Amino acid sequence: MVYMAGDNNLSGALSNDLGEMEAVGSTGLVNVVVQMDTFGGAAKRFLVMEGWGRTTLLF
């Protein structure tokens, strides 16, 4: 699990970081899970899958 604290001036960089993780994504042996806290929003948890647009919102 990767916790991304972006409820500050780094909020805009989070989507770039998530995109880098999507280049590899989860595998059959490892799940890549991200909890992202953005500026002005509640924290959300994602299962990162390989490829843009395949990442799934868990809650």
C-alpha atoms as a PDB file:
ATOM      1  CA  MET A   1       0.000   0.000   0.000  1.00  0.00           C
ATOM      2  CA  VAL A   2       1.182   3.468  -0.922  1.00  0.00           C
ATOM      3  CA  TYR A   3      -0.210   6.438   1.013  1.00  0.00           C
ATOM      4  CA  MET A   4      -0.171   9.640  -1.016  1.00  0.00           C
ATOM      5  CA  ALA A   5      -0.710  12.750   1.138  1.00  0.00           C
ATOM      6  CA  GLY A   6      -1.648  15.443  -1.342  1.00  0.00           C
ATOM      7  CA  ASP A   7      -3.843  17.675   0.757  1.00  0.00           C
ATOM      8  CA  ASN A   8      -1.293  20.439   0.229  1.00  0.00           C
ATOM      9  CA  ASN A   9       0.526  22.070  -2.677  1.00  0.00           C
ATOM     10  CA  LEU A  10       1.558  18.608  -3.988  1.00  0.00           C
ATOM     11  CA  SER A  11      -2.006  17.577  -4.847  1.00  0.00           C
ATOM     12  CA  GLY A  12      -1.452  18.080  -8.573  1.00  0.00           C
ATOM     13  CA  ALA A  13       1.506  15.682  -8.657  1.00  0.00           C
ATOM     14  CA  LEU A  14      -0.523  12.724  -7.377  1.00  0.00           C
ATOM     15  CA  SER A  15      -2.065  11.842 -10.736  1.00  0.00           C
ATOM     16  CA  ASN A  16       1.420  11.720 -12.301  1.00  0.00           C
ATOM     17  CA  ASP A  17       2.629   9.407  -9.536  1.00  0.00           C
ATOM     18  CA  LEU A  18      -0.424   7.176  -9.954  1.00  0.00           C
ATOM     19  CA  GLY A  19       0.236   7.045 -13.691  1.00  0.00           C
ATOM     20  CA  GLU A  20       3.764   5.798 -13.062  1.00  0.00           C
ATOM     21  CA  MET A  21       2.373   2.988 -10.888  1.00  0.00           C
ATOM     22  CA  GLU A  22      -0.133   2.097 -13.622  1.00  0.00           C
ATOM     23  CA  ALA A  23       2.812   1.417 -15.946  1.00  0.00           C
ATOM     24  CA  VAL A  24       3.377  -1.771 -13.914  1.00  0.00           C
ATOM     25  CA  GLY A  25       0.141  -2.277 -11.950  1.00  0.00           C
ATOM     26  CA  SER A  26      -0.913  -5.243  -9.873  1.00  0.00           C
ATOM     27  CA  THR A  27       0.035  -8.806 -10.761  1.00  0.00           C
ATOM     28  CA  GLY A  28      -1.185 -12.252  -9.789  1.00  0.00           C
ATOM     29  CA  LEU A  29       1.278 -12.188  -6.877  1.00  0.00           C
ATOM     30  CA  VAL A  30       1.180  -8.539  -5.769  1.00  0.00           C
ATOM     31  CA  ASN A  31      -1.669  -6.042  -5.421  1.00  0.00           C
ATOM     32  CA  VAL A  32      -0.676  -2.405  -5.716  1.00  0.00           C
ATOM     33  CA  VAL A  33      -3.066  -0.398  -3.515  1.00  0.00           C
ATOM     34  CA  VAL A  34      -2.963   3.390  -3.196  1.00  0.00           C
ATOM     35  CA  GLN A  35      -4.681   5.522  -0.606  1.00  0.00           C
ATOM     36  CA  MET A  36      -4.807   9.036  -2.018  1.00  0.00           C
ATOM     37  CA  ASP A  37      -5.708  12.099   0.038  1.00  0.00           C
ATOM     38  CA  THR A  38      -6.185  15.139  -2.191  1.00  0.00           C
ATOM     39  CA  PHE A  39      -6.601  18.804  -1.378  1.00  0.00           C
ATOM     40  CA  GLY A  40     -10.231  19.544  -0.510  1.00  0.00           C
ATOM     41  CA  GLY A  41     -11.336  15.927  -0.848  1.00  0.00           C
ATOM     42  CA  ALA A  42     -11.679  12.801   1.218  1.00  0.00           C
ATOM     43  CA  ALA A  43      -9.103  10.024   1.065  1.00  0.00           C
ATOM     44  CA  LYS A  44      -9.845   7.337  -1.535  1.00  0.00           C
ATOM     45  CA  ARG A  45      -8.353   3.877  -1.966  1.00  0.00           C
ATOM     46  CA  PHE A  46      -7.543   2.405  -5.388  1.00  0.00           C
ATOM     47  CA  LEU A  47      -6.437  -0.973  -6.727  1.00  0.00           C
ATOM     48  CA  VAL A  48      -3.847  -0.054  -9.359  1.00  0.00           C
ATOM     49  CA  MET A  49      -4.078  -2.089 -12.551  1.00  0.00           C
ATOM     50  CA  GLU A  50      -1.682  -2.015 -15.492  1.00  0.00           C
ATOM     51  CA  GLY A  51      -2.671   0.451 -18.195  1.00  0.00           C
ATOM     52  CA  TRP A  52      -4.270   3.872 -18.097  1.00  0.00           C
ATOM     53  CA  GLY A  53      -7.945   3.882 -17.074  1.00  0.00           C
ATOM     54  CA  ARG A  54      -7.980   0.388 -15.568  1.00  0.00           C
ATOM     55  CA  THR A  55      -7.372   1.422 -11.946  1.00  0.00           C
ATOM     56  CA  THR A  56     -10.372   0.608  -9.734  1.00  0.00           C
ATOM     57  CA  LEU A  57     -11.789   2.720  -6.895  1.00  0.00           C
ATOM     58  CA  LEU A  58     -12.136   0.495  -3.820  1.00  0.00           C
ATOM     59  CA  PHE A  59     -13.617   3.084  -1.426  1.00  0.00           C
END
